[in-house]
Amino acid sequence: MLEYAILKSFIYSKDLYTKYNKYINISYIKTNYKELYKIYNTILYIYTKHINKVSITKEELESVYITNYPVLKESDRRELSGLLDRIFATEVNESILETVLQSHRTRSLA
């Protein structure tokens, strides 16, 4: 899933996040992928709150997510853990992903 690859790249690289995040259609993500939207928000929160942070670990992401969305039931936590496992397990071809992100940027600026 492309969204997983983009999220994983943003998690591992604040530079990529900073360069391309503004070109991602967040309203589309919010409408169609509510949990991914919350993860995007959590990444934004971490990078904004911790300016010197250049990447995020799975444990950091999960703990901040749970802190920001505290009404989670145990089933929600299991679902979140599974989702994060899938995101972190996603294979990412950096050059292809960079091309895709550049395409999002170009469309956004058109």
N, C-alpha and C. Protein backbone atom coordinates (compact mmCIF):
# COMPACT_ATOMS: atom_id res chain seq x y z
N MET A 1 0.85 -1.17 0.00
CA MET A 1 0.00 0.00 0.00
C MET A 1 0.90 1.24 0.00
N LEU A 2 0.65 2.12 -0.92
CA LEU A 2 1.47 3.31 -1.10
C LEU A 2 1.48 4.19 0.15
N GLU A 3 0.32 4.32 0.78
CA GLU A 3 0.24 5.15 1.98
C GLU A 3 1.18 4.65 3.07
N TYR A 4 1.30 3.33 3.20
CA TYR A 4 2.22 2.76 4.20
C TYR A 4 3.66 3.14 3.88
N ALA A 5 4.01 3.05 2.61
CA ALA A 5 5.38 3.39 2.20
C ALA A 5 5.69 4.86 2.47
N ILE A 6 4.73 5.72 2.18
CA ILE A 6 4.93 7.15 2.43
C ILE A 6 5.08 7.39 3.93
N LEU A 7 4.19 6.80 4.73
CA LEU A 7 4.28 6.97 6.17
C LEU A 7 5.62 6.46 6.70
N LYS A 8 6.03 5.30 6.25
CA LYS A 8 7.30 4.74 6.72
C LYS A 8 8.45 5.67 6.37
N SER A 9 8.45 6.22 5.19
CA SER A 9 9.50 7.15 4.79
C SER A 9 9.48 8.41 5.64
N PHE A 10 8.29 8.91 5.94
CA PHE A 10 8.17 10.09 6.78
C PHE A 10 8.63 9.79 8.21
N ILE A 11 8.34 8.59 8.68
CA ILE A 11 8.76 8.19 10.03
C ILE A 11 10.28 8.13 10.13
N TYR A 12 10.92 7.59 9.09
CA TYR A 12 12.37 7.40 9.12
C TYR A 12 13.16 8.62 8.67
N SER A 13 12.49 9.62 8.08
CA SER A 13 13.23 10.77 7.57
C SER A 13 12.44 12.07 7.73
N LYS A 14 12.84 12.86 8.70
CA LYS A 14 12.20 14.17 8.88
C LYS A 14 12.42 15.04 7.65
N ASP A 15 13.58 14.87 6.98
CA ASP A 15 13.83 15.65 5.77
C ASP A 15 12.78 15.38 4.70
N LEU A 16 12.49 14.10 4.45
CA LEU A 16 11.44 13.76 3.47
C LEU A 16 10.08 14.29 3.93
N TYR A 17 9.81 14.12 5.22
CA TYR A 17 8.55 14.61 5.77
C TYR A 17 8.40 16.11 5.52
N THR A 18 9.44 16.85 5.86
CA THR A 18 9.40 18.30 5.72
C THR A 18 9.27 18.72 4.26
N LYS A 19 9.95 17.99 3.38
CA LYS A 19 9.94 18.34 1.96
C LYS A 19 8.60 18.06 1.29
N TYR A 20 7.94 16.96 1.66
CA TYR A 20 6.75 16.52 0.90
C TYR A 20 5.43 16.49 1.67
N ASN A 21 5.45 16.61 2.98
CA ASN A 21 4.21 16.47 3.74
C ASN A 21 3.12 17.43 3.28
N LYS A 22 3.49 18.65 2.95
CA LYS A 22 2.47 19.65 2.57
C LYS A 22 1.79 19.33 1.25
N TYR A 23 2.31 18.36 0.50
CA TYR A 23 1.71 18.00 -0.79
C TYR A 23 0.84 16.75 -0.71
N ILE A 24 0.76 16.16 0.46
CA ILE A 24 -0.10 14.99 0.65
C ILE A 24 -1.53 15.48 0.90
N ASN A 25 -2.49 14.87 0.24
CA ASN A 25 -3.89 15.26 0.39
C ASN A 25 -4.42 14.69 1.72
N ILE A 26 -4.21 15.47 2.77
CA ILE A 26 -4.58 15.02 4.11
C ILE A 26 -6.09 14.86 4.26
N SER A 27 -6.90 15.71 3.60
CA SER A 27 -8.35 15.55 3.72
C SER A 27 -8.82 14.22 3.13
N TYR A 28 -8.17 13.79 2.06
CA TYR A 28 -8.50 12.48 1.48
C TYR A 28 -8.17 11.37 2.48
N ILE A 29 -6.99 11.47 3.09
CA ILE A 29 -6.57 10.47 4.08
C ILE A 29 -7.55 10.49 5.26
N LYS A 30 -7.90 11.68 5.73
CA LYS A 30 -8.82 11.80 6.87
C LYS A 30 -10.16 11.15 6.57
N THR A 31 -10.66 11.34 5.36
CA THR A 31 -11.96 10.79 4.99
C THR A 31 -11.92 9.28 4.78
N ASN A 32 -10.85 8.78 4.17
CA ASN A 32 -10.82 7.38 3.76
C ASN A 32 -9.99 6.46 4.64
N TYR A 33 -9.07 7.00 5.40
CA TYR A 33 -8.17 6.19 6.22
C TYR A 33 -7.98 6.86 7.58
N LYS A 34 -8.99 6.76 8.44
CA LYS A 34 -8.97 7.50 9.71
C LYS A 34 -7.77 7.16 10.58
N GLU A 35 -7.39 5.90 10.66
CA GLU A 35 -6.25 5.53 11.50
C GLU A 35 -4.93 6.06 10.91
N LEU A 36 -4.80 6.02 9.59
CA LEU A 36 -3.59 6.57 8.96
C LEU A 36 -3.54 8.08 9.18
N TYR A 37 -4.69 8.72 9.15
CA TYR A 37 -4.75 10.16 9.41
C TYR A 37 -4.23 10.47 10.82
N LYS A 38 -4.62 9.66 11.78
CA LYS A 38 -4.15 9.86 13.15
C LYS A 38 -2.64 9.64 13.24
N ILE A 39 -2.13 8.71 12.46
CA ILE A 39 -0.68 8.48 12.45
C ILE A 39 0.03 9.67 11.83
N TYR A 40 -0.50 10.21 10.73
CA TYR A 40 0.07 11.43 10.15
C TYR A 40 0.11 12.54 11.20
N ASN A 41 -0.98 12.71 11.91
CA ASN A 41 -1.03 13.75 12.95
C ASN A 41 -0.02 13.50 14.05
N THR A 42 0.18 12.24 14.39
CA THR A 42 1.14 11.89 15.44
C THR A 42 2.56 12.19 14.97
N ILE A 43 2.86 11.89 13.71
CA ILE A 43 4.18 12.21 13.16
C ILE A 43 4.40 13.72 13.20
N LEU A 44 3.40 14.47 12.76
CA LEU A 44 3.48 15.94 12.80
C LEU A 44 3.73 16.42 14.23
N TYR A 45 3.00 15.87 15.17
CA TYR A 45 3.14 16.26 16.57
C TYR A 45 4.56 16.00 17.07
N ILE A 46 5.09 14.83 16.77
CA ILE A 46 6.43 14.48 17.26
C ILE A 46 7.48 15.41 16.64
N TYR A 47 7.44 15.59 15.33
CA TYR A 47 8.44 16.43 14.68
C TYR A 47 8.31 17.90 15.08
N THR A 48 7.10 18.34 15.38
CA THR A 48 6.89 19.72 15.81
C THR A 48 7.37 19.91 17.26
N LYS A 49 7.06 18.96 18.09
CA LYS A 49 7.39 19.04 19.52
C LYS A 49 8.88 18.84 19.78
N HIS A 50 9.50 17.99 18.96
CA HIS A 50 10.92 17.65 19.15
C HIS A 50 11.68 18.07 17.89
N ILE A 51 12.04 19.33 17.83
CA ILE A 51 12.61 19.93 16.62
C ILE A 51 13.88 19.22 16.14
N ASN A 52 14.70 18.72 17.06
CA ASN A 52 15.97 18.09 16.68
C ASN A 52 15.81 16.62 16.28
N LYS A 53 14.62 16.09 16.40
CA LYS A 53 14.39 14.67 16.05
C LYS A 53 14.44 14.50 14.54
N VAL A 54 15.20 13.51 14.06
CA VAL A 54 15.33 13.28 12.62
C VAL A 54 14.60 12.03 12.15
N SER A 55 14.19 11.18 13.09
CA SER A 55 13.41 9.99 12.76
C SER A 55 12.64 9.57 14.01
N ILE A 56 11.73 8.62 13.82
CA ILE A 56 10.85 8.19 14.91
C ILE A 56 10.89 6.67 14.98
N THR A 57 10.99 6.13 16.18
CA THR A 57 10.93 4.68 16.34
C THR A 57 9.47 4.24 16.42
N LYS A 58 9.25 2.97 16.21
CA LYS A 58 7.89 2.42 16.31
C LYS A 58 7.34 2.63 17.72
N GLU A 59 8.18 2.41 18.71
CA GLU A 59 7.75 2.55 20.09
C GLU A 59 7.37 3.99 20.42
N GLU A 60 8.16 4.94 19.92
CA GLU A 60 7.83 6.36 20.13
C GLU A 60 6.50 6.70 19.47
N LEU A 61 6.34 6.28 18.24
CA LEU A 61 5.12 6.57 17.50
C LEU A 61 3.91 5.99 18.21
N GLU A 62 4.02 4.74 18.64
CA GLU A 62 2.89 4.09 19.30
C GLU A 62 2.57 4.76 20.64
N SER A 63 3.57 5.08 21.42
CA SER A 63 3.29 5.68 22.73
C SER A 63 2.71 7.09 22.60
N VAL A 64 3.21 7.89 21.66
CA VAL A 64 2.66 9.23 21.46
C VAL A 64 1.24 9.13 20.90
N TYR A 65 1.01 8.21 19.98
CA TYR A 65 -0.33 8.00 19.43
C TYR A 65 -1.32 7.68 20.57
N ILE A 66 -0.93 6.75 21.42
CA ILE A 66 -1.82 6.34 22.52
C ILE A 66 -2.04 7.50 23.50
N THR A 67 -1.02 8.32 23.69
CA THR A 67 -1.16 9.50 24.54
C THR A 67 -2.10 10.52 23.92
N ASN A 68 -1.98 10.72 22.61
CA ASN A 68 -2.82 11.71 21.91
C ASN A 68 -4.26 11.23 21.70
N TYR A 69 -4.46 9.93 21.65
CA TYR A 69 -5.80 9.35 21.45
C TYR A 69 -6.08 8.36 22.58
N PRO A 70 -6.26 8.86 23.82
CA PRO A 70 -6.31 8.00 25.01
C PRO A 70 -7.57 7.17 25.18
N VAL A 71 -8.59 7.35 24.39
CA VAL A 71 -9.83 6.61 24.59
C VAL A 71 -9.80 5.24 23.91
N LEU A 72 -8.63 4.79 23.57
CA LEU A 72 -8.50 3.52 22.87
C LEU A 72 -8.90 2.34 23.76
N LYS A 73 -9.68 1.45 23.19
CA LYS A 73 -9.99 0.18 23.84
C LYS A 73 -8.84 -0.78 23.55
N GLU A 74 -8.82 -1.90 24.25
CA GLU A 74 -7.76 -2.89 24.03
C GLU A 74 -7.77 -3.38 22.59
N SER A 75 -8.94 -3.56 22.01
CA SER A 75 -9.03 -4.01 20.61
C SER A 75 -8.44 -2.94 19.67
N ASP A 76 -8.66 -1.66 20.01
CA ASP A 76 -8.08 -0.57 19.22
C ASP A 76 -6.56 -0.58 19.31
N ARG A 77 -6.04 -0.87 20.49
CA ARG A 77 -4.58 -0.94 20.66
C ARG A 77 -3.98 -2.08 19.85
N ARG A 78 -4.66 -3.21 19.83
CA ARG A 78 -4.18 -4.34 19.03
C ARG A 78 -4.21 -3.99 17.55
N GLU A 79 -5.28 -3.32 17.13
CA GLU A 79 -5.40 -2.90 15.73
C GLU A 79 -4.29 -1.91 15.38
N LEU A 80 -4.02 -0.96 16.28
CA LEU A 80 -2.95 0.01 16.06
C LEU A 80 -1.60 -0.69 15.96
N SER A 81 -1.36 -1.62 16.86
CA SER A 81 -0.09 -2.36 16.84
C SER A 81 0.08 -3.12 15.53
N GLY A 82 -0.99 -3.75 15.06
CA GLY A 82 -0.95 -4.47 13.78
C GLY A 82 -0.71 -3.53 12.61
N LEU A 83 -1.37 -2.38 12.65
CA LEU A 83 -1.19 -1.38 11.59
C LEU A 83 0.25 -0.88 11.56
N LEU A 84 0.80 -0.57 12.73
CA LEU A 84 2.19 -0.12 12.79
C LEU A 84 3.15 -1.22 12.33
N ASP A 85 2.86 -2.47 12.68
CA ASP A 85 3.68 -3.59 12.20
C ASP A 85 3.68 -3.63 10.68
N ARG A 86 2.50 -3.45 10.07
CA ARG A 86 2.41 -3.48 8.61
C ARG A 86 3.16 -2.30 7.98
N ILE A 87 3.02 -1.13 8.58
CA ILE A 87 3.73 0.04 8.06
C ILE A 87 5.24 -0.17 8.14
N PHE A 88 5.73 -0.59 9.30
CA PHE A 88 7.17 -0.76 9.48
C PHE A 88 7.72 -1.94 8.68
N ALA A 89 6.86 -2.89 8.29
CA ALA A 89 7.31 -4.03 7.49
C ALA A 89 7.27 -3.73 5.99
N THR A 90 6.69 -2.62 5.61
CA THR A 90 6.55 -2.27 4.20
C THR A 90 7.91 -2.05 3.56
N GLU A 91 8.11 -2.69 2.42
CA GLU A 91 9.34 -2.48 1.63
C GLU A 91 9.21 -1.15 0.92
N VAL A 92 10.26 -0.34 1.00
CA VAL A 92 10.23 0.97 0.37
C VAL A 92 11.41 1.11 -0.58
N ASN A 93 11.10 1.32 -1.85
CA ASN A 93 12.13 1.64 -2.83
C ASN A 93 12.23 3.16 -2.85
N GLU A 94 13.30 3.68 -2.27
CA GLU A 94 13.43 5.12 -2.08
C GLU A 94 13.33 5.92 -3.38
N SER A 95 13.94 5.44 -4.45
CA SER A 95 13.91 6.22 -5.70
C SER A 95 12.51 6.26 -6.29
N ILE A 96 11.79 5.13 -6.24
CA ILE A 96 10.41 5.12 -6.74
C ILE A 96 9.52 5.99 -5.87
N LEU A 97 9.69 5.88 -4.56
CA LEU A 97 8.88 6.69 -3.65
C LEU A 97 9.15 8.17 -3.85
N GLU A 98 10.40 8.53 -4.04
CA GLU A 98 10.74 9.94 -4.28
C GLU A 98 10.05 10.44 -5.55
N THR A 99 10.00 9.59 -6.59
CA THR A 99 9.31 9.95 -7.83
C THR A 99 7.82 10.16 -7.57
N VAL A 100 7.22 9.27 -6.80
CA VAL A 100 5.79 9.38 -6.47
C VAL A 100 5.53 10.66 -5.68
N LEU A 101 6.37 10.93 -4.70
CA LEU A 101 6.19 12.14 -3.89
C LEU A 101 6.38 13.40 -4.73
N GLN A 102 7.33 13.35 -5.64
CA GLN A 102 7.55 14.48 -6.54
C GLN A 102 6.32 14.69 -7.43
N SER A 103 5.71 13.61 -7.85
CA SER A 103 4.50 13.69 -8.65
C SER A 103 3.36 14.33 -7.85
N HIS A 104 3.21 13.94 -6.58
CA HIS A 104 2.21 14.57 -5.71
C HIS A 104 2.49 16.07 -5.61
N ARG A 105 3.74 16.43 -5.47
CA ARG A 105 4.14 17.83 -5.37
C ARG A 105 3.76 18.60 -6.64
N THR A 106 4.08 18.02 -7.78
CA THR A 106 3.79 18.66 -9.06
C THR A 106 2.29 18.87 -9.23
N ARG A 107 1.50 17.84 -8.94
CA ARG A 107 0.03 17.96 -9.06
C ARG A 107 -0.51 19.01 -8.10
N SER A 108 0.06 19.05 -6.92
CA SER A 108 -0.40 20.01 -5.92
C SER A 108 -0.13 21.44 -6.33
N LEU A 109 0.98 21.65 -7.02
CA LEU A 109 1.37 23.00 -7.43
C LEU A 109 0.70 23.44 -8.73
N ALA A 110 0.10 22.49 -9.46
CA ALA A 110 -0.53 22.81 -10.75
C ALA A 110 -1.80 23.60 -10.59
